[in-house]
Amino acid sequence: MAKVTTKPEEVVTASDRTPRRVAQRPAITDTEIARRAYDLYLARGREDGHDVEDWLQAERELSGSAVAV
């Protein structure tokens, strides 16, 4: 007589059907961006005319996508 082997059954639990959540960073506020942009302005020696550049740099840094220039 041949021996019959079976594979163990997969058990699906309720937790398997629940979508997994990915940890997300809290949203960056305009206040945080403004503070960092102001720090960049001060670090530049209070040189006017770079407000948009400072704002965009602050956004990149705070979002974690800063690129060395």
PDB file of N, CA and C in Angstrom:
ATOM      1  N   MET A   1       0.841  -1.157   0.000  1.00  0.00           N
ATOM      2  CA  MET A   1       0.000   0.000   0.000  1.00  0.00           C
ATOM      3  C   MET A   1       0.899   1.237   0.000  1.00  0.00           C
ATOM      4  N   ALA A   2       0.581   2.242  -0.852  1.00  0.00           N
ATOM      5  CA  ALA A   2       1.387   3.448  -0.957  1.00  0.00           C
ATOM      6  C   ALA A   2       1.029   4.398   0.179  1.00  0.00           C
ATOM      7  N   LYS A   3       2.079   5.057   0.642  1.00  0.00           N
ATOM      8  CA  LYS A   3       1.880   6.009   1.726  1.00  0.00           C
ATOM      9  C   LYS A   3       1.458   7.359   1.126  1.00  0.00           C
ATOM     10  N   VAL A   4       0.404   7.940   1.644  1.00  0.00           N
ATOM     11  CA  VAL A   4      -0.098   9.215   1.155  1.00  0.00           C
ATOM     12  C   VAL A   4       0.349  10.313   2.117  1.00  0.00           C
ATOM     13  N   THR A   5       1.001  11.336   1.518  1.00  0.00           N
ATOM     14  CA  THR A   5       1.421  12.464   2.357  1.00  0.00           C
ATOM     15  C   THR A   5       0.614  13.685   1.947  1.00  0.00           C
ATOM     16  N   THR A   6       0.303  14.477   2.900  1.00  0.00           N
ATOM     17  CA  THR A   6      -0.445  15.700   2.623  1.00  0.00           C
ATOM     18  C   THR A   6       0.341  16.906   3.132  1.00  0.00           C
ATOM     19  N   LYS A   7       0.128  18.016   2.490  1.00  0.00           N
ATOM     20  CA  LYS A   7       0.762  19.257   2.922  1.00  0.00           C
ATOM     21  C   LYS A   7      -0.098  19.878   4.017  1.00  0.00           C
ATOM     22  N   PRO A   8       0.547  20.523   4.975  1.00  0.00           N
ATOM     23  CA  PRO A   8      -0.261  21.200   6.004  1.00  0.00           C
ATOM     24  C   PRO A   8      -1.065  22.339   5.376  1.00  0.00           C
ATOM     25  N   GLU A   9      -2.257  22.521   5.851  1.00  0.00           N
ATOM     26  CA  GLU A   9      -3.108  23.581   5.322  1.00  0.00           C
ATOM     27  C   GLU A   9      -2.652  24.937   5.834  1.00  0.00           C
ATOM     28  N   GLU A  10      -2.789  25.948   4.961  1.00  0.00           N
ATOM     29  CA  GLU A  10      -2.499  27.302   5.395  1.00  0.00           C
ATOM     30  C   GLU A  10      -3.707  27.829   6.142  1.00  0.00           C
ATOM     31  N   VAL A  11      -3.450  28.432   7.245  1.00  0.00           N
ATOM     32  CA  VAL A  11      -4.512  29.005   8.044  1.00  0.00           C
ATOM     33  C   VAL A  11      -4.491  30.512   7.846  1.00  0.00           C
ATOM     34  N   VAL A  12      -5.608  31.051   7.437  1.00  0.00           N
ATOM     35  CA  VAL A  12      -5.721  32.490   7.241  1.00  0.00           C
ATOM     36  C   VAL A  12      -6.473  33.057   8.429  1.00  0.00           C
ATOM     37  N   THR A  13      -5.825  33.954   9.125  1.00  0.00           N
ATOM     38  CA  THR A  13      -6.475  34.561  10.281  1.00  0.00           C
ATOM     39  C   THR A  13      -6.998  35.939   9.908  1.00  0.00           C
ATOM     40  N   ALA A  14      -7.765  36.529  10.778  1.00  0.00           N
ATOM     41  CA  ALA A  14      -8.316  37.864  10.531  1.00  0.00           C
ATOM     42  C   ALA A  14      -7.191  38.875  10.343  1.00  0.00           C
ATOM     43  N   SER A  15      -6.101  38.707  11.071  1.00  0.00           N
ATOM     44  CA  SER A  15      -4.999  39.664  10.950  1.00  0.00           C
ATOM     45  C   SER A  15      -4.337  39.585   9.570  1.00  0.00           C
ATOM     46  N   ASP A  16      -4.425  38.439   8.916  1.00  0.00           N
ATOM     47  CA  ASP A  16      -3.874  38.303   7.567  1.00  0.00           C
ATOM     48  C   ASP A  16      -4.690  39.096   6.554  1.00  0.00           C
ATOM     49  N   ARG A  17      -5.948  39.294   6.824  1.00  0.00           N
ATOM     50  CA  ARG A  17      -6.819  40.013   5.901  1.00  0.00           C
ATOM     51  C   ARG A  17      -6.808  41.519   6.136  1.00  0.00           C
ATOM     52  N   THR A  18      -6.244  41.932   7.254  1.00  0.00           N
ATOM     53  CA  THR A  18      -6.200  43.350   7.587  1.00  0.00           C
ATOM     54  C   THR A  18      -5.053  44.007   6.833  1.00  0.00           C
ATOM     55  N   PRO A  19      -5.323  45.109   6.140  1.00  0.00           N
ATOM     56  CA  PRO A  19      -4.235  45.784   5.428  1.00  0.00           C
ATOM     57  C   PRO A  19      -3.152  46.234   6.406  1.00  0.00           C
ATOM     58  N   ARG A  20      -1.945  46.046   6.002  1.00  0.00           N
ATOM     59  CA  ARG A  20      -0.833  46.467   6.846  1.00  0.00           C
ATOM     60  C   ARG A  20      -0.644  47.979   6.695  1.00  0.00           C
ATOM     61  N   ARG A  21      -0.385  48.622   7.795  1.00  0.00           N
ATOM     62  CA  ARG A  21      -0.193  50.074   7.769  1.00  0.00           C
ATOM     63  C   ARG A  21       1.290  50.391   7.716  1.00  0.00           C
ATOM     64  N   VAL A  22       1.604  51.358   6.898  1.00  0.00           N
ATOM     65  CA  VAL A  22       2.984  51.799   6.773  1.00  0.00           C
ATOM     66  C   VAL A  22       3.147  53.034   7.638  1.00  0.00           C
ATOM     67  N   ALA A  23       4.201  53.055   8.427  1.00  0.00           N
ATOM     68  CA  ALA A  23       4.459  54.217   9.279  1.00  0.00           C
ATOM     69  C   ALA A  23       4.718  55.438   8.407  1.00  0.00           C
ATOM     70  N   GLN A  24       4.038  56.506   8.715  1.00  0.00           N
ATOM     71  CA  GLN A  24       4.211  57.736   7.960  1.00  0.00           C
ATOM     72  C   GLN A  24       4.668  58.841   8.900  1.00  0.00           C
ATOM     73  N   ARG A  25       5.441  59.747   8.333  1.00  0.00           N
ATOM     74  CA  ARG A  25       5.852  60.909   9.106  1.00  0.00           C
ATOM     75  C   ARG A  25       4.671  61.851   9.235  1.00  0.00           C
ATOM     76  N   PRO A  26       4.651  62.594  10.332  1.00  0.00           N
ATOM     77  CA  PRO A  26       3.600  63.603  10.442  1.00  0.00           C
ATOM     78  C   PRO A  26       3.781  64.656   9.349  1.00  0.00           C
ATOM     79  N   ALA A  27       2.699  65.275   8.956  1.00  0.00           N
ATOM     80  CA  ALA A  27       2.767  66.301   7.910  1.00  0.00           C
ATOM     81  C   ALA A  27       3.622  67.472   8.377  1.00  0.00           C
ATOM     82  N   ILE A  28       4.365  68.031   7.453  1.00  0.00           N
ATOM     83  CA  ILE A  28       5.219  69.178   7.746  1.00  0.00           C
ATOM     84  C   ILE A  28       4.353  70.429   7.641  1.00  0.00           C
ATOM     85  N   THR A  29       4.426  71.275   8.649  1.00  0.00           N
ATOM     86  CA  THR A  29       3.606  72.484   8.648  1.00  0.00           C
ATOM     87  C   THR A  29       4.364  73.654   8.022  1.00  0.00           C
ATOM     88  N   ASP A  30       3.605  74.652   7.591  1.00  0.00           N
ATOM     89  CA  ASP A  30       4.209  75.860   7.043  1.00  0.00           C
ATOM     90  C   ASP A  30       5.077  76.559   8.090  1.00  0.00           C
ATOM     91  N   THR A  31       4.682  76.465   9.344  1.00  0.00           N
ATOM     92  CA  THR A  31       5.458  77.085  10.423  1.00  0.00           C
ATOM     93  C   THR A  31       6.837  76.447  10.527  1.00  0.00           C
ATOM     94  N   GLU A  32       6.896  75.118  10.429  1.00  0.00           N
ATOM     95  CA  GLU A  32       8.194  74.425  10.479  1.00  0.00           C
ATOM     96  C   GLU A  32       9.067  74.811   9.288  1.00  0.00           C
ATOM     97  N   ILE A  33       8.440  74.892   8.126  1.00  0.00           N
ATOM     98  CA  ILE A  33       9.186  75.267   6.923  1.00  0.00           C
ATOM     99  C   ILE A  33       9.712  76.697   7.065  1.00  0.00           C
ATOM    100  N   ALA A  34       8.855  77.596   7.538  1.00  0.00           N
ATOM    101  CA  ALA A  34       9.255  78.994   7.708  1.00  0.00           C
ATOM    102  C   ALA A  34      10.408  79.127   8.688  1.00  0.00           C
ATOM    103  N   ARG A  35      10.369  78.374   9.773  1.00  0.00           N
ATOM    104  CA  ARG A  35      11.461  78.437  10.764  1.00  0.00           C
ATOM    105  C   ARG A  35      12.770  77.965  10.152  1.00  0.00           C
ATOM    106  N   ARG A  36      12.708  76.871   9.402  1.00  0.00           N
ATOM    107  CA  ARG A  36      13.934  76.356   8.780  1.00  0.00           C
ATOM    108  C   ARG A  36      14.433  77.309   7.695  1.00  0.00           C
ATOM    109  N   ALA A  37      13.513  77.873   6.917  1.00  0.00           N
ATOM    110  CA  ALA A  37      13.909  78.836   5.884  1.00  0.00           C
ATOM    111  C   ALA A  37      14.564  80.055   6.523  1.00  0.00           C
ATOM    112  N   TYR A  38      14.049  80.487   7.660  1.00  0.00           N
ATOM    113  CA  TYR A  38      14.641  81.623   8.369  1.00  0.00           C
ATOM    114  C   TYR A  38      16.046  81.271   8.862  1.00  0.00           C
ATOM    115  N   ASP A  39      16.223  80.051   9.351  1.00  0.00           N
ATOM    116  CA  ASP A  39      17.562  79.601   9.760  1.00  0.00           C
ATOM    117  C   ASP A  39      18.537  79.647   8.584  1.00  0.00           C
ATOM    118  N   LEU A  40      18.070  79.237   7.423  1.00  0.00           N
ATOM    119  CA  LEU A  40      18.921  79.283   6.227  1.00  0.00           C
ATOM    120  C   LEU A  40      19.277  80.729   5.873  1.00  0.00           C
ATOM    121  N   TYR A  41      18.305  81.622   6.001  1.00  0.00           N
ATOM    122  CA  TYR A  41      18.512  83.051   5.750  1.00  0.00           C
ATOM    123  C   TYR A  41      19.577  83.602   6.703  1.00  0.00           C
ATOM    124  N   LEU A  42      19.465  83.259   7.980  1.00  0.00           N
ATOM    125  CA  LEU A  42      20.444  83.726   8.960  1.00  0.00           C
ATOM    126  C   LEU A  42      21.830  83.153   8.672  1.00  0.00           C
ATOM    127  N   ALA A  43      21.877  81.884   8.309  1.00  0.00           N
ATOM    128  CA  ALA A  43      23.152  81.231   8.014  1.00  0.00           C
ATOM    129  C   ALA A  43      23.835  81.864   6.804  1.00  0.00           C
ATOM    130  N   ARG A  44      23.059  82.439   5.909  1.00  0.00           N
ATOM    131  CA  ARG A  44      23.597  83.095   4.724  1.00  0.00           C
ATOM    132  C   ARG A  44      24.068  84.504   5.056  1.00  0.00           C
ATOM    133  N   GLY A  45      23.862  84.939   6.278  1.00  0.00           N
ATOM    134  CA  GLY A  45      24.275  86.282   6.656  1.00  0.00           C
ATOM    135  C   GLY A  45      23.208  87.326   6.382  1.00  0.00           C
ATOM    136  N   ARG A  46      21.950  86.902   6.436  1.00  0.00           N
ATOM    137  CA  ARG A  46      20.789  87.782   6.236  1.00  0.00           C
ATOM    138  C   ARG A  46      20.794  88.442   4.856  1.00  0.00           C
ATOM    139  N   GLU A  47      21.287  87.717   3.883  1.00  0.00           N
ATOM    140  CA  GLU A  47      21.318  88.215   2.508  1.00  0.00           C
ATOM    141  C   GLU A  47      19.929  88.074   1.888  1.00  0.00           C
ATOM    142  N   ASP A  48      19.373  89.191   1.455  1.00  0.00           N
ATOM    143  CA  ASP A  48      18.029  89.200   0.860  1.00  0.00           C
ATOM    144  C   ASP A  48      18.041  88.600  -0.550  1.00  0.00           C
ATOM    145  N   GLY A  49      16.843  88.242  -1.009  1.00  0.00           N
ATOM    146  CA  GLY A  49      16.670  87.791  -2.390  1.00  0.00           C
ATOM    147  C   GLY A  49      16.699  86.286  -2.583  1.00  0.00           C
ATOM    148  N   HIS A  50      16.732  85.522  -1.508  1.00  0.00           N
ATOM    149  CA  HIS A  50      16.778  84.056  -1.617  1.00  0.00           C
ATOM    150  C   HIS A  50      15.620  83.395  -0.884  1.00  0.00           C
ATOM    151  N   ASP A  51      14.536  84.139  -0.696  1.00  0.00           N
ATOM    152  CA  ASP A  51      13.432  83.626   0.105  1.00  0.00           C
ATOM    153  C   ASP A  51      12.797  82.365  -0.479  1.00  0.00           C
ATOM    154  N   VAL A  52      12.575  82.349  -1.773  1.00  0.00           N
ATOM    155  CA  VAL A  52      11.959  81.175  -2.400  1.00  0.00           C
ATOM    156  C   VAL A  52      12.933  79.998  -2.352  1.00  0.00           C
ATOM    157  N   GLU A  53      14.182  80.263  -2.653  1.00  0.00           N
ATOM    158  CA  GLU A  53      15.209  79.215  -2.590  1.00  0.00           C
ATOM    159  C   GLU A  53      15.300  78.628  -1.182  1.00  0.00           C
ATOM    160  N   ASP A  54      15.289  79.494  -0.164  1.00  0.00           N
ATOM    161  CA  ASP A  54      15.352  79.032   1.225  1.00  0.00           C
ATOM    162  C   ASP A  54      14.121  78.208   1.586  1.00  0.00           C
ATOM    163  N   TRP A  55      12.951  78.650   1.131  1.00  0.00           N
ATOM    164  CA  TRP A  55      11.703  77.927   1.420  1.00  0.00           C
ATOM    165  C   TRP A  55      11.758  76.521   0.806  1.00  0.00           C
ATOM    166  N   LEU A  56      12.149  76.447  -0.456  1.00  0.00           N
ATOM    167  CA  LEU A  56      12.195  75.149  -1.134  1.00  0.00           C
ATOM    168  C   LEU A  56      13.246  74.236  -0.512  1.00  0.00           C
ATOM    169  N   GLN A  57      14.377  74.804  -0.127  1.00  0.00           N
ATOM    170  CA  GLN A  57      15.420  74.013   0.540  1.00  0.00           C
ATOM    171  C   GLN A  57      14.905  73.488   1.873  1.00  0.00           C
ATOM    172  N   ALA A  58      14.206  74.332   2.615  1.00  0.00           N
ATOM    173  CA  ALA A  58      13.640  73.910   3.902  1.00  0.00           C
ATOM    174  C   ALA A  58      12.638  72.779   3.708  1.00  0.00           C
ATOM    175  N   GLU A  59      11.794  72.869   2.687  1.00  0.00           N
ATOM    176  CA  GLU A  59      10.843  71.790   2.398  1.00  0.00           C
ATOM    177  C   GLU A  59      11.569  70.484   2.103  1.00  0.00           C
ATOM    178  N   ARG A  60      12.604  70.559   1.276  1.00  0.00           N
ATOM    179  CA  ARG A  60      13.364  69.343   0.941  1.00  0.00           C
ATOM    180  C   ARG A  60      13.989  68.727   2.183  1.00  0.00           C
ATOM    181  N   GLU A  61      14.612  69.558   2.995  1.00  0.00           N
ATOM    182  CA  GLU A  61      15.266  69.045   4.202  1.00  0.00           C
ATOM    183  C   GLU A  61      14.268  68.404   5.162  1.00  0.00           C
ATOM    184  N   LEU A  62      13.169  69.065   5.386  1.00  0.00           N
ATOM    185  CA  LEU A  62      12.181  68.548   6.347  1.00  0.00           C
ATOM    186  C   LEU A  62      11.459  67.314   5.832  1.00  0.00           C
ATOM    187  N   SER A  63      11.341  67.180   4.526  1.00  0.00           N
ATOM    188  CA  SER A  63      10.669  65.997   3.989  1.00  0.00           C
ATOM    189  C   SER A  63      11.625  64.825   3.850  1.00  0.00           C
ATOM    190  N   GLY A  64      12.901  65.072   4.114  1.00  0.00           N
ATOM    191  CA  GLY A  64      13.881  63.998   4.068  1.00  0.00           C
ATOM    192  C   GLY A  64      14.433  63.743   2.686  1.00  0.00           C
ATOM    193  N   SER A  65      14.188  64.646   1.757  1.00  0.00           N
ATOM    194  CA  SER A  65      14.696  64.436   0.410  1.00  0.00           C
ATOM    195  C   SER A  65      15.732  65.501   0.038  1.00  0.00           C
ATOM    196  N   ALA A  66      16.521  65.910   1.036  1.00  0.00           N
ATOM    197  CA  ALA A  66      17.543  66.936   0.803  1.00  0.00           C
ATOM    198  C   ALA A  66      18.614  66.403  -0.141  1.00  0.00           C
ATOM    199  N   VAL A  67      19.004  67.227  -1.054  1.00  0.00           N
ATOM    200  CA  VAL A  67      20.036  66.868  -2.031  1.00  0.00           C
ATOM    201  C   VAL A  67      21.201  67.826  -1.847  1.00  0.00           C
ATOM    202  N   ALA A  68      22.388  67.272  -1.726  1.00  0.00           N
ATOM    203  CA  ALA A  68      23.574  68.125  -1.573  1.00  0.00           C
ATOM    204  C   ALA A  68      23.780  68.927  -2.852  1.00  0.00           C
ATOM    205  N   VAL A  69      24.032  70.210  -2.696  1.00  0.00           N
ATOM    206  CA  VAL A  69      24.222  71.065  -3.863  1.00  0.00           C
ATOM    207  C   VAL A  69      25.636  71.566  -3.923  1.00  0.00           C
TER     208      VAL A  69
END
